[in-house]
Each structure stands twice: as structure tokens, then as C-alpha cells.
PDB file of N, CA and C in Angstrom:
ATOM      1  N   MET A   1     -20.131  28.006 -42.654  1.00  0.00           N
ATOM      2  CA  MET A   1     -20.813  28.084 -41.700  1.00  0.00           C
ATOM      3  C   MET A   1     -21.816  26.666 -41.367  1.00  0.00           C
ATOM      4  N   THR A   2     -21.466  25.891 -40.409  1.00  0.00           N
ATOM      5  CA  THR A   2     -22.579  24.851 -40.078  1.00  0.00           C
ATOM      6  C   THR A   2     -23.473  25.158 -39.512  1.00  0.00           C
ATOM      7  N   VAL A   3     -24.612  24.473 -39.449  1.00  0.00           N
ATOM      8  CA  VAL A   3     -25.915  24.899 -38.599  1.00  0.00           C
ATOM      9  C   VAL A   3     -25.690  25.086 -37.228  1.00  0.00           C
ATOM     10  N   LYS A   4     -24.520  23.871 -36.831  1.00  0.00           N
ATOM     11  CA  LYS A   4     -24.326  23.730 -35.482  1.00  0.00           C
ATOM     12  C   LYS A   4     -23.725  25.092 -34.987  1.00  0.00           C
ATOM     13  N   ASP A   5     -23.124  25.876 -35.980  1.00  0.00           N
ATOM     14  CA  ASP A   5     -22.529  27.087 -35.573  1.00  0.00           C
ATOM     15  C   ASP A   5     -23.654  28.496 -35.373  1.00  0.00           C
ATOM     16  N   ARG A   6     -24.274  27.944 -36.485  1.00  0.00           N
ATOM     17  CA  ARG A   6     -25.127  28.925 -36.590  1.00  0.00           C
ATOM     18  C   ARG A   6     -26.357  28.962 -35.117  1.00  0.00           C
ATOM     19  N   ILE A   7     -26.745  27.715 -34.670  1.00  0.00           N
ATOM     20  CA  ILE A   7     -27.218  27.671 -33.453  1.00  0.00           C
ATOM     21  C   ILE A   7     -26.458  27.909 -32.572  1.00  0.00           C
ATOM     22  N   ASN A   8     -25.199  27.866 -32.244  1.00  0.00           N
ATOM     23  CA  ASN A   8     -24.351  28.591 -31.004  1.00  0.00           C
ATOM     24  C   ASN A   8     -24.126  29.698 -31.531  1.00  0.00           C
ATOM     25  N   ARG A   9     -24.287  30.427 -32.345  1.00  0.00           N
ATOM     26  CA  ARG A   9     -24.523  31.914 -32.537  1.00  0.00           C
ATOM     27  C   ARG A   9     -25.544  32.562 -32.423  1.00  0.00           C
ATOM     28  N   HIS A  10     -26.705  32.017 -31.990  1.00  0.00           N
ATOM     29  CA  HIS A  10     -28.167  32.055 -31.879  1.00  0.00           C
ATOM     30  C   HIS A  10     -28.795  33.047 -32.827  1.00  0.00           C
ATOM     31  N   GLU A  11     -28.700  32.414 -34.226  1.00  0.00           N
ATOM     32  CA  GLU A  11     -29.223  32.747 -35.469  1.00  0.00           C
ATOM     33  C   GLU A  11     -30.241  32.317 -35.717  1.00  0.00           C
ATOM     34  N   SER A  12     -31.108  33.199 -36.607  1.00  0.00           N
ATOM     35  CA  SER A  12     -32.723  32.619 -37.082  1.00  0.00           C
ATOM     36  C   SER A  12     -32.432  32.241 -37.848  1.00  0.00           C
ATOM     37  N   PHE A  13     -32.823  31.243 -38.433  1.00  0.00           N
ATOM     38  CA  PHE A  13     -32.885  30.420 -40.210  1.00  0.00           C
ATOM     39  C   PHE A  13     -33.600  29.438 -40.407  1.00  0.00           C
ATOM     40  N   ILE A  14     -33.411  28.998 -41.557  1.00  0.00           N
ATOM     41  CA  ILE A  14     -34.521  27.861 -41.835  1.00  0.00           C
ATOM     42  C   ILE A  14     -33.402  26.671 -42.654  1.00  0.00           C
ATOM     43  N   VAL A  15     -33.817  25.409 -42.084  1.00  0.00           N
ATOM     44  CA  VAL A  15     -33.043  24.337 -42.486  1.00  0.00           C
ATOM     45  C   VAL A  15     -33.896  23.247 -43.240  1.00  0.00           C
ATOM     46  N   ALA A  16     -33.232  22.463 -44.317  1.00  0.00           N
ATOM     47  CA  ALA A  16     -34.436  21.864 -44.675  1.00  0.00           C
ATOM     48  C   ALA A  16     -34.212  20.401 -44.230  1.00  0.00           C
ATOM     49  N   ASN A  17     -34.796  19.457 -44.065  1.00  0.00           N
ATOM     50  CA  ASN A  17     -35.090  18.400 -43.494  1.00  0.00           C
ATOM     51  C   ASN A  17     -33.856  17.132 -44.143  1.00  0.00           C
ATOM     52  N   ASP A  18     -32.927  17.514 -45.069  1.00  0.00           N
ATOM     53  CA  ASP A  18     -31.929  17.352 -45.175  1.00  0.00           C
ATOM     54  C   ASP A  18     -30.498  17.545 -44.979  1.00  0.00           C
ATOM     55  N   GLY A  19     -30.871  18.615 -44.225  1.00  0.00           N
ATOM     56  CA  GLY A  19     -29.860  19.372 -43.762  1.00  0.00           C
ATOM     57  C   GLY A  19     -28.865  20.651 -44.408  1.00  0.00           C
ATOM     58  N   GLN A  20     -29.755  20.975 -45.431  1.00  0.00           N
ATOM     59  CA  GLN A  20     -29.405  21.840 -46.374  1.00  0.00           C
ATOM     60  C   GLN A  20     -29.911  23.332 -45.820  1.00  0.00           C
ATOM     61  N   TYR A  21     -28.849  24.214 -45.653  1.00  0.00           N
ATOM     62  CA  TYR A  21     -29.399  25.460 -44.859  1.00  0.00           C
ATOM     63  C   TYR A  21     -30.023  26.282 -45.834  1.00  0.00           C
ATOM     64  N   LEU A  22     -31.267  27.197 -45.489  1.00  0.00           N
ATOM     65  CA  LEU A  22     -31.736  27.495 -46.425  1.00  0.00           C
ATOM     66  C   LEU A  22     -32.026  29.006 -46.619  1.00  0.00           C
ATOM     67  N   GLY A  23     -31.193  29.670 -45.621  1.00  0.00           N
ATOM     68  CA  GLY A  23     -31.237  30.956 -45.589  1.00  0.00           C
ATOM     69  C   GLY A  23     -31.427  31.717 -44.104  1.00  0.00           C
ATOM     70  N   LYS A  24     -31.506  32.668 -44.080  1.00  0.00           N
ATOM     71  CA  LYS A  24     -31.350  33.517 -42.558  1.00  0.00           C
ATOM     72  C   LYS A  24     -32.738  34.294 -42.503  1.00  0.00           C
ATOM     73  N   LEU A  25     -33.457  34.452 -41.296  1.00  0.00           N
ATOM     74  CA  LEU A  25     -34.829  34.976 -41.229  1.00  0.00           C
ATOM     75  C   LEU A  25     -34.534  36.231 -40.921  1.00  0.00           C
ATOM     76  N   SER A  26     -34.234  37.152 -41.378  1.00  0.00           N
ATOM     77  CA  SER A  26     -33.791  38.653 -41.547  1.00  0.00           C
ATOM     78  C   SER A  26     -34.741  39.309 -42.444  1.00  0.00           C
ATOM     79  N   LEU A  27     -35.454  40.535 -41.847  1.00  0.00           N
ATOM     80  CA  LEU A  27     -36.284  41.448 -42.560  1.00  0.00           C
ATOM     81  C   LEU A  27     -35.465  42.266 -43.684  1.00  0.00           C
ATOM     82  N   ASN A  28     -34.015  42.434 -43.404  1.00  0.00           N
ATOM     83  CA  ASN A  28     -32.980  42.958 -44.268  1.00  0.00           C
ATOM     84  C   ASN A  28     -32.703  42.491 -45.334  1.00  0.00           C
ATOM     85  N   MET A  29     -33.871  43.293 -46.593  1.00  0.00           N
ATOM     86  CA  MET A  29     -33.659  42.606 -47.871  1.00  0.00           C
ATOM     87  C   MET A  29     -32.195  42.934 -48.816  1.00  0.00           C
ATOM     88  N   TYR A  30     -31.371  43.483 -48.018  1.00  0.00           N
ATOM     89  CA  TYR A  30     -29.927  43.721 -48.312  1.00  0.00           C
ATOM     90  C   TYR A  30     -28.910  42.671 -47.761  1.00  0.00           C
ATOM     91  N   ASP A  31     -29.264  42.391 -46.940  1.00  0.00           N
ATOM     92  CA  ASP A  31     -28.577  40.842 -46.256  1.00  0.00           C
ATOM     93  C   ASP A  31     -28.592  39.793 -47.157  1.00  0.00           C
ATOM     94  N   THR A  32     -27.378  39.132 -47.877  1.00  0.00           N
ATOM     95  CA  THR A  32     -27.101  38.444 -49.010  1.00  0.00           C
ATOM     96  C   THR A  32     -27.609  36.928 -48.397  1.00  0.00           C
ATOM     97  N   GLU A  33     -28.002  36.992 -47.082  1.00  0.00           N
ATOM     98  CA  GLU A  33     -28.484  35.750 -46.776  1.00  0.00           C
ATOM     99  C   GLU A  33     -29.770  35.524 -46.345  1.00  0.00           C
ATOM    100  N   SER A  34     -30.790  36.895 -46.364  1.00  0.00           N
ATOM    101  CA  SER A  34     -31.946  36.792 -46.115  1.00  0.00           C
ATOM    102  C   SER A  34     -32.944  35.946 -47.328  1.00  0.00           C
ATOM    103  N   ILE A  35     -33.971  35.343 -46.886  1.00  0.00           N
ATOM    104  CA  ILE A  35     -35.035  34.946 -47.558  1.00  0.00           C
ATOM    105  C   ILE A  35     -35.768  36.070 -48.604  1.00  0.00           C
ATOM    106  N   LEU A  36     -35.751  37.168 -48.189  1.00  0.00           N
ATOM    107  CA  LEU A  36     -36.195  38.343 -48.433  1.00  0.00           C
ATOM    108  C   LEU A  36     -35.656  39.096 -49.628  1.00  0.00           C
ATOM    109  N   ASN A  37     -34.152  38.752 -49.350  1.00  0.00           N
ATOM    110  CA  ASN A  37     -33.276  39.369 -50.663  1.00  0.00           C
ATOM    111  C   ASN A  37     -33.620  38.726 -52.483  1.00  0.00           C
ATOM    112  N   VAL A  38     -34.466  39.157 -52.989  1.00  0.00           N
ATOM    113  CA  VAL A  38     -34.975  38.452 -54.020  1.00  0.00           C
ATOM    114  C   VAL A  38     -33.618  38.346 -55.345  1.00  0.00           C
ATOM    115  N   TYR A  39     -32.107  39.209 -54.825  1.00  0.00           N
ATOM    116  CA  TYR A  39     -31.305  38.764 -55.691  1.00  0.00           C
ATOM    117  C   TYR A  39     -30.105  37.972 -55.199  1.00  0.00           C
ATOM    118  N   GLY A  40     -30.534  37.320 -53.782  1.00  0.00           N
ATOM    119  CA  GLY A  40     -29.718  36.751 -53.016  1.00  0.00           C
ATOM    120  C   GLY A  40     -29.629  35.338 -53.367  1.00  0.00           C
ATOM    121  N   ILE A  41     -29.199  34.307 -53.036  1.00  0.00           N
ATOM    122  CA  ILE A  41     -29.251  32.883 -53.373  1.00  0.00           C
ATOM    123  C   ILE A  41     -30.260  31.900 -52.353  1.00  0.00           C
ATOM    124  N   TYR A  42     -30.661  32.673 -50.972  1.00  0.00           N
ATOM    125  CA  TYR A  42     -31.623  32.042 -50.418  1.00  0.00           C
ATOM    126  C   TYR A  42     -33.351  32.977 -51.083  1.00  0.00           C
ATOM    127  N   GLY A  43     -32.859  33.943 -51.521  1.00  0.00           N
ATOM    128  CA  GLY A  43     -34.907  34.397 -51.482  1.00  0.00           C
ATOM    129  C   GLY A  43     -34.869  34.383 -53.208  1.00  0.00           C
ATOM    130  N   SER A  44     -34.217  34.215 -54.008  1.00  0.00           N
ATOM    131  CA  SER A  44     -34.040  34.221 -55.656  1.00  0.00           C
ATOM    132  C   SER A  44     -35.282  33.297 -56.031  1.00  0.00           C
ATOM    133  N   GLN A  45     -36.005  33.376 -57.030  1.00  0.00           N
ATOM    134  CA  GLN A  45     -37.043  32.444 -57.309  1.00  0.00           C
ATOM    135  C   GLN A  45     -36.314  31.531 -58.532  1.00  0.00           C
ATOM    136  N   TYR A  46     -34.828  31.694 -58.534  1.00  0.00           N
ATOM    137  CA  TYR A  46     -33.966  30.981 -59.615  1.00  0.00           C
ATOM    138  C   TYR A  46     -33.306  29.942 -58.931  1.00  0.00           C
ATOM    139  N   SER A  47     -32.704  30.264 -57.454  1.00  0.00           N
ATOM    140  CA  SER A  47     -31.612  29.596 -56.976  1.00  0.00           C
ATOM    141  C   SER A  47     -32.401  27.951 -56.737  1.00  0.00           C
ATOM    142  N   VAL A  48     -31.306  27.017 -57.018  1.00  0.00           N
ATOM    143  CA  VAL A  48     -31.453  25.701 -56.201  1.00  0.00           C
ATOM    144  C   VAL A  48     -31.796  25.565 -55.060  1.00  0.00           C
ATOM    145  N   VAL A  49     -31.029  26.329 -53.903  1.00  0.00           N
ATOM    146  CA  VAL A  49     -31.374  26.558 -52.629  1.00  0.00           C
ATOM    147  C   VAL A  49     -32.419  27.696 -51.832  1.00  0.00           C
ATOM    148  N   SER A  50     -33.474  27.756 -52.732  1.00  0.00           N
ATOM    149  CA  SER A  50     -34.505  28.945 -52.428  1.00  0.00           C
ATOM    150  C   SER A  50     -35.460  28.258 -52.115  1.00  0.00           C
ATOM    151  N   ILE A  51     -36.661  28.728 -51.135  1.00  0.00           N
ATOM    152  CA  ILE A  51     -37.870  28.032 -51.002  1.00  0.00           C
ATOM    153  C   ILE A  51     -38.591  28.703 -52.013  1.00  0.00           C
ATOM    154  N   LYS A  52     -38.246  29.980 -52.546  1.00  0.00           N
ATOM    155  CA  LYS A  52     -38.944  30.758 -53.772  1.00  0.00           C
ATOM    156  C   LYS A  52     -38.952  30.353 -55.017  1.00  0.00           C
ATOM    157  N   ASN A  53     -38.125  28.642 -55.215  1.00  0.00           N
ATOM    158  CA  ASN A  53     -38.163  28.628 -56.468  1.00  0.00           C
ATOM    159  C   ASN A  53     -38.940  27.449 -56.505  1.00  0.00           C
ATOM    160  N   PRO A  54     -40.283  27.659 -57.488  1.00  0.00           N
ATOM    161  CA  PRO A  54     -41.414  26.728 -57.390  1.00  0.00           C
ATOM    162  C   PRO A  54     -40.754  25.692 -57.879  1.00  0.00           C
ATOM    163  N   TYR A  55     -39.721  25.333 -58.684  1.00  0.00           N
ATOM    164  CA  TYR A  55     -39.526  24.392 -59.378  1.00  0.00           C
ATOM    165  C   TYR A  55     -38.027  23.347 -58.900  1.00  0.00           C
ATOM    166  N   GLY A  56     -37.851  23.957 -57.819  1.00  0.00           N
ATOM    167  CA  GLY A  56     -36.909  23.592 -57.109  1.00  0.00           C
ATOM    168  C   GLY A  56     -37.097  22.522 -55.957  1.00  0.00           C
ATOM    169  N   ILE A  57     -36.150  21.859 -55.594  1.00  0.00           N
ATOM    170  CA  ILE A  57     -36.795  20.798 -54.197  1.00  0.00           C
ATOM    171  C   ILE A  57     -37.237  21.522 -52.992  1.00  0.00           C
ATOM    172  N   TYR A  58     -36.938  22.767 -52.695  1.00  0.00           N
ATOM    173  CA  TYR A  58     -37.080  23.162 -51.430  1.00  0.00           C
ATOM    174  C   TYR A  58     -38.078  24.560 -51.908  1.00  0.00           C
ATOM    175  N   GLY A  59     -38.782  24.404 -53.022  1.00  0.00           N
ATOM    176  CA  GLY A  59     -39.758  25.476 -53.085  1.00  0.00           C
ATOM    177  C   GLY A  59     -40.968  24.985 -53.952  1.00  0.00           C
ATOM    178  N   SER A  60     -40.933  23.620 -54.368  1.00  0.00           N
ATOM    179  CA  SER A  60     -42.129  23.105 -55.190  1.00  0.00           C
ATOM    180  C   SER A  60     -43.165  22.360 -54.667  1.00  0.00           C
ATOM    181  N   PRO A  61     -43.974  22.622 -54.789  1.00  0.00           N
ATOM    182  CA  PRO A  61     -45.474  22.369 -54.199  1.00  0.00           C
ATOM    183  C   PRO A  61     -45.946  20.673 -54.243  1.00  0.00           C
ATOM    184  N   TYR A  62     -44.500  20.194 -54.809  1.00  0.00           N
ATOM    185  CA  TYR A  62     -44.969  18.573 -54.603  1.00  0.00           C
ATOM    186  C   TYR A  62     -43.913  17.975 -54.492  1.00  0.00           C
ATOM    187  N   SER A  63     -42.740  18.889 -53.768  1.00  0.00           N
ATOM    188  CA  SER A  63     -41.579  18.259 -53.010  1.00  0.00           C
ATOM    189  C   SER A  63     -41.814  17.725 -51.561  1.00  0.00           C
ATOM    190  N   SER A  64     -41.262  17.163 -50.894  1.00  0.00           N
ATOM    191  CA  SER A  64     -41.693  16.444 -49.460  1.00  0.00           C
ATOM    192  C   SER A  64     -40.602  17.360 -48.503  1.00  0.00           C
ATOM    193  N   LEU A  65     -39.776  18.309 -49.311  1.00  0.00           N
ATOM    194  CA  LEU A  65     -38.659  19.221 -48.579  1.00  0.00           C
ATOM    195  C   LEU A  65     -38.903  20.746 -48.691  1.00  0.00           C
ATOM    196  N   SER A  66     -40.337  20.746 -49.267  1.00  0.00           N
ATOM    197  CA  SER A  66     -40.638  22.024 -49.413  1.00  0.00           C
ATOM    198  C   SER A  66     -41.825  22.446 -48.492  1.00  0.00           C
ATOM    199  N   PRO A  67     -42.017  23.939 -48.178  1.00  0.00           N
ATOM    200  CA  PRO A  67     -42.291  24.180 -47.256  1.00  0.00           C
ATOM    201  C   PRO A  67     -44.194  24.710 -47.828  1.00  0.00           C
ATOM    202  N   TYR A  68     -44.171  24.590 -48.886  1.00  0.00           N
ATOM    203  CA  TYR A  68     -45.465  24.642 -49.926  1.00  0.00           C
ATOM    204  C   TYR A  68     -46.227  23.378 -50.361  1.00  0.00           C
ATOM    205  N   ASN A  69     -45.511  22.283 -49.834  1.00  0.00           N
ATOM    206  CA  ASN A  69     -46.220  21.132 -49.896  1.00  0.00           C
ATOM    207  C   ASN A  69     -47.135  21.000 -48.447  1.00  0.00           C
ATOM    208  N   PRO A  70     -48.988  20.994 -48.778  1.00  0.00           N
ATOM    209  CA  PRO A  70     -49.402  20.750 -47.561  1.00  0.00           C
ATOM    210  C   PRO A  70     -49.434  19.496 -47.220  1.00  0.00           C
ATOM    211  N   TYR A  71     -48.844  18.547 -47.701  1.00  0.00           N
ATOM    212  CA  TYR A  71     -48.835  16.907 -47.011  1.00  0.00           C
ATOM    213  C   TYR A  71     -47.937  16.715 -46.753  1.00  0.00           C
ATOM    214  N   THR A  72     -46.871  17.514 -46.679  1.00  0.00           N
ATOM    215  CA  THR A  72     -45.323  16.612 -46.008  1.00  0.00           C
ATOM    216  C   THR A  72     -45.454  16.811 -44.899  1.00  0.00           C
ATOM    217  N   SER A  73     -44.315  15.865 -44.438  1.00  0.00           N
ATOM    218  CA  SER A  73     -44.270  15.660 -42.766  1.00  0.00           C
ATOM    219  C   SER A  73     -42.542  16.026 -42.667  1.00  0.00           C
ATOM    220  N   THR A  74     -41.895  16.193 -43.790  1.00  0.00           N
ATOM    221  CA  THR A  74     -40.270  16.682 -43.779  1.00  0.00           C
ATOM    222  C   THR A  74     -40.385  18.270 -44.151  1.00  0.00           C
ATOM    223  N   PRO A  75     -41.158  19.351 -43.760  1.00  0.00           N
ATOM    224  CA  PRO A  75     -40.753  20.525 -44.119  1.00  0.00           C
ATOM    225  C   PRO A  75     -39.346  20.770 -43.508  1.00  0.00           C
ATOM    226  N   PRO A  76     -38.958  22.395 -44.078  1.00  0.00           N
ATOM    227  CA  PRO A  76     -37.822  22.926 -43.250  1.00  0.00           C
ATOM    228  C   PRO A  76     -38.402  23.156 -41.827  1.00  0.00           C
ATOM    229  N   ALA A  77     -37.167  22.962 -41.251  1.00  0.00           N
ATOM    230  CA  ALA A  77     -37.469  23.626 -39.672  1.00  0.00           C
ATOM    231  C   ALA A  77     -36.925  25.199 -39.671  1.00  0.00           C
ATOM    232  N   ILE A  78     -37.666  25.693 -38.436  1.00  0.00           N
ATOM    233  CA  ILE A  78     -37.444  27.321 -38.033  1.00  0.00           C
ATOM    234  C   ILE A  78     -36.513  27.307 -36.740  1.00  0.00           C
ATOM    235  N   TYR A  79     -35.325  27.693 -36.912  1.00  0.00           N
ATOM    236  CA  TYR A  79     -34.674  28.114 -35.385  1.00  0.00           C
ATOM    237  C   TYR A  79     -35.125  29.825 -35.187  1.00  0.00           C
ATOM    238  N   LEU A  80     -35.158  29.712 -34.249  1.00  0.00           N
ATOM    239  CA  LEU A  80     -35.646  31.377 -33.785  1.00  0.00           C
ATOM    240  C   LEU A  80     -34.699  31.323 -32.547  1.00  0.00           C
ATOM    241  N   ARG A  81     -33.338  32.257 -33.207  1.00  0.00           N
ATOM    242  CA  ARG A  81     -32.472  32.708 -32.394  1.00  0.00           C
ATOM    243  C   ARG A  81     -31.715  31.897 -31.395  1.00  0.00           C
ATOM    244  N   GLY A  82     -31.454  30.546 -32.317  1.00  0.00           N
ATOM    245  CA  GLY A  82     -30.802  29.407 -32.188  1.00  0.00           C
ATOM    246  C   GLY A  82     -31.375  28.109 -31.639  1.00  0.00           C
ATOM    247  N   MET A  83     -32.665  28.279 -31.296  1.00  0.00           N
ATOM    248  CA  MET A  83     -33.384  27.497 -30.947  1.00  0.00           C
ATOM    249  C   MET A  83     -34.730  27.016 -32.020  1.00  0.00           C
ATOM    250  N   LYS A  84     -34.891  25.374 -32.201  1.00  0.00           N
ATOM    251  CA  LYS A  84     -35.717  25.458 -33.066  1.00  0.00           C
ATOM    252  C   LYS A  84     -36.903  25.585 -32.591  1.00  0.00           C
ATOM    253  N   HIS A  85     -37.871  26.306 -33.451  1.00  0.00           N
ATOM    254  CA  HIS A  85     -39.202  26.885 -33.244  1.00  0.00           C
ATOM    255  C   HIS A  85     -40.268  25.883 -33.709  1.00  0.00           C
ATOM    256  N   GLY A  86     -40.185  25.532 -34.751  1.00  0.00           N
ATOM    257  CA  GLY A  86     -40.757  24.543 -35.427  1.00  0.00           C
ATOM    258  C   GLY A  86     -40.851  24.402 -37.082  1.00  0.00           C
ATOM    259  N   TYR A  87     -41.690  24.678 -37.783  1.00  0.00           N
ATOM    260  CA  TYR A  87     -41.674  24.309 -38.869  1.00  0.00           C
ATOM    261  C   TYR A  87     -42.209  25.247 -39.843  1.00  0.00           C
ATOM    262  N   LEU A  88     -41.978  25.712 -41.138  1.00  0.00           N
ATOM    263  CA  LEU A  88     -42.040  26.522 -42.076  1.00  0.00           C
ATOM    264  C   LEU A  88     -42.942  25.380 -43.245  1.00  0.00           C
ATOM    265  N   THR A  89     -44.347  25.421 -43.273  1.00  0.00           N
ATOM    266  CA  THR A  89     -45.091  24.449 -43.860  1.00  0.00           C
ATOM    267  C   THR A  89     -46.484  25.011 -43.968  1.00  0.00           C
ATOM    268  N   LEU A  90     -47.239  24.414 -44.987  1.00  0.00           N
ATOM    269  CA  LEU A  90     -48.294  24.584 -45.019  1.00  0.00           C
ATOM    270  C   LEU A  90     -49.177  23.396 -44.273  1.00  0.00           C
ATOM    271  N   ASN A  91     -48.718  22.781 -43.904  1.00  0.00           N
ATOM    272  CA  ASN A  91     -49.274  21.484 -43.124  1.00  0.00           C
ATOM    273  C   ASN A  91     -49.677  21.936 -41.695  1.00  0.00           C
ATOM    274  N   PRO A  92     -50.636  22.461 -41.305  1.00  0.00           N
ATOM    275  CA  PRO A  92     -51.155  22.818 -40.200  1.00  0.00           C
ATOM    276  C   PRO A  92     -51.244  21.755 -39.078  1.00  0.00           C
ATOM    277  N   TYR A  93     -50.931  20.395 -39.216  1.00  0.00           N
ATOM    278  CA  TYR A  93     -50.951  19.708 -38.177  1.00  0.00           C
ATOM    279  C   TYR A  93     -49.712  19.063 -37.764  1.00  0.00           C
ATOM    280  N   LEU A  94     -48.580  19.998 -38.116  1.00  0.00           N
ATOM    281  CA  LEU A  94     -47.009  19.756 -37.586  1.00  0.00           C
ATOM    282  C   LEU A  94     -47.269  20.853 -36.658  1.00  0.00           C
ATOM    283  N   GLN A  95     -46.881  20.792 -35.257  1.00  0.00           N
ATOM    284  CA  GLN A  95     -46.816  21.551 -34.038  1.00  0.00           C
ATOM    285  C   GLN A  95     -45.899  22.901 -34.563  1.00  0.00           C
ATOM    286  N   GLY A  96     -45.751  23.619 -34.049  1.00  0.00           N
ATOM    287  CA  GLY A  96     -45.254  24.948 -34.452  1.00  0.00           C
ATOM    288  C   GLY A  96     -44.953  25.485 -35.850  1.00  0.00           C
ATOM    289  N   SER A  97     -45.986  24.831 -36.514  1.00  0.00           N
ATOM    290  CA  SER A  97     -45.934  25.338 -38.047  1.00  0.00           C
ATOM    291  C   SER A  97     -46.268  26.890 -38.387  1.00  0.00           C
ATOM    292  N   VAL A  98     -45.788  27.143 -39.272  1.00  0.00           N
ATOM    293  CA  VAL A  98     -45.619  28.681 -39.646  1.00  0.00           C
ATOM    294  C   VAL A  98     -45.826  28.609 -40.994  1.00  0.00           C
ATOM    295  N   ASN A  99     -46.652  29.201 -41.744  1.00  0.00           N
ATOM    296  CA  ASN A  99     -47.321  29.413 -42.967  1.00  0.00           C
ATOM    297  C   ASN A  99     -46.367  29.971 -43.949  1.00  0.00           C
ATOM    298  N   PRO A 100     -45.619  29.689 -44.566  1.00  0.00           N
ATOM    299  CA  PRO A 100     -44.566  30.345 -45.539  1.00  0.00           C
ATOM    300  C   PRO A 100     -45.481  31.433 -46.438  1.00  0.00           C
ATOM    301  N   HIS A 101     -46.498  31.907 -46.390  1.00  0.00           N
ATOM    302  CA  HIS A 101     -46.990  32.932 -47.199  1.00  0.00           C
ATOM    303  C   HIS A 101     -46.945  34.179 -46.323  1.00  0.00           C
ATOM    304  N   GLN A 102     -47.077  33.427 -44.867  1.00  0.00           N
ATOM    305  CA  GLN A 102     -46.997  34.733 -43.910  1.00  0.00           C
ATOM    306  C   GLN A 102     -45.730  34.808 -42.706  1.00  0.00           C
ATOM    307  N   ILE A 103     -44.405  34.311 -43.465  1.00  0.00           N
ATOM    308  CA  ILE A 103     -42.946  33.914 -43.033  1.00  0.00           C
ATOM    309  C   ILE A 103     -43.032  35.809 -42.583  1.00  0.00           C
ATOM    310  N   GLU A 104     -43.009  36.574 -43.486  1.00  0.00           N
ATOM    311  CA  GLU A 104     -42.141  38.019 -43.364  1.00  0.00           C
ATOM    312  C   GLU A 104     -43.303  38.785 -41.902  1.00  0.00           C
ATOM    313  N   LEU A 105     -44.317  38.535 -41.659  1.00  0.00           N
ATOM    314  CA  LEU A 105     -45.379  38.971 -40.862  1.00  0.00           C
ATOM    315  C   LEU A 105     -44.946  38.411 -39.596  1.00  0.00           C
ATOM    316  N   TRP A 106     -44.483  37.368 -39.279  1.00  0.00           N
ATOM    317  CA  TRP A 106     -43.985  36.236 -38.293  1.00  0.00           C
ATOM    318  C   TRP A 106     -42.758  37.007 -37.903  1.00  0.00           C
ATOM    319  N   MET A 107     -41.676  37.230 -38.790  1.00  0.00           N
ATOM    320  CA  MET A 107     -40.632  37.877 -38.662  1.00  0.00           C
ATOM    321  C   MET A 107     -40.581  38.937 -37.940  1.00  0.00           C
ATOM    322  N   ARG A 108     -41.468  39.941 -38.318  1.00  0.00           N
ATOM    323  CA  ARG A 108     -41.900  41.068 -37.784  1.00  0.00           C
ATOM    324  C   ARG A 108     -42.438  41.111 -36.652  1.00  0.00           C
ATOM    325  N   ILE A 109     -43.321  40.190 -36.325  1.00  0.00           N
ATOM    326  CA  ILE A 109     -43.633  40.016 -35.086  1.00  0.00           C
ATOM    327  C   ILE A 109     -42.670  38.886 -34.118  1.00  0.00           C
ATOM    328  N   ASN A 110     -41.785  38.448 -34.573  1.00  0.00           N
ATOM    329  CA  ASN A 110     -40.585  38.093 -33.760  1.00  0.00           C
ATOM    330  C   ASN A 110     -39.244  39.114 -33.657  1.00  0.00           C
ATOM    331  N   ASN A 111     -39.249  40.159 -34.420  1.00  0.00           N
ATOM    332  CA  ASN A 111     -38.310  41.477 -34.460  1.00  0.00           C
ATOM    333  C   ASN A 111     -37.052  40.551 -34.853  1.00  0.00           C
ATOM    334  N   LEU A 112     -37.453  40.177 -36.095  1.00  0.00           N
ATOM    335  CA  LEU A 112     -35.816  39.751 -36.800  1.00  0.00           C
ATOM    336  C   LEU A 112     -35.431  40.667 -37.966  1.00  0.00           C
ATOM    337  N   TYR A 113     -34.777  41.940 -37.062  1.00  0.00           N
ATOM    338  CA  TYR A 113     -34.599  42.753 -38.319  1.00  0.00           C
ATOM    339  C   TYR A 113     -33.274  42.723 -38.367  1.00  0.00           C
TER     340      TYR A 113
END
């Protein structure tokens, strides 16, 4: 499924600046696409497409595509119910920034069950 398809379906998800889909914003830890599923491709600390992999390009504090790089201007974008909401990033100067350490709380506030 493409990012455009997900937008049309009003899904909540994150996508890297290079277009790579990085997972669903869902509090369901058993959802295979949820970033909170530690055994899933998007929530595992070992997956190459997970923001939780500190050695991967999407999770390293040194990568320009990672939400954990506080200096990046190209962090992952957040889509909330199909609309671009802002960015998942430690960079507080980007409009609509959501701290990746607080993403679970942000999902609860936005009722992303």
C-alpha cells in the first residue's frame, strides 16, 4: 500500500523524508504495523525501517532522516487521520514538532487506538 493510499484511507502514520513508510500510529501493541509493536517491523529495535533502531538511518541520533537527531531539518512526517500534522523530531524549531520520546502520550491524546 502506498503513502497516498494511506492518506486516502485517513490513516495515522509516519513517513520518512525519503518516502519510506515507517509505521502506523496505533496504541495497539499487537498491530503488525504499529510503531509500538516491539516484535513488528516498525517497532523492533533491530529493523532497518524502525525509528527504534539506534543504528539504522531512521533511528540513529546522527542521521538526518531520524527523529532523534535534534539538528535535522528532514525528520519523519506525522500524518494524523490522513492529514499532515507535523514532524516527529527532537528539533523544537520545526512547526508541528512532536517529541519522539512522547509519541505514545501524543497518540493517547489523539485517540489513536
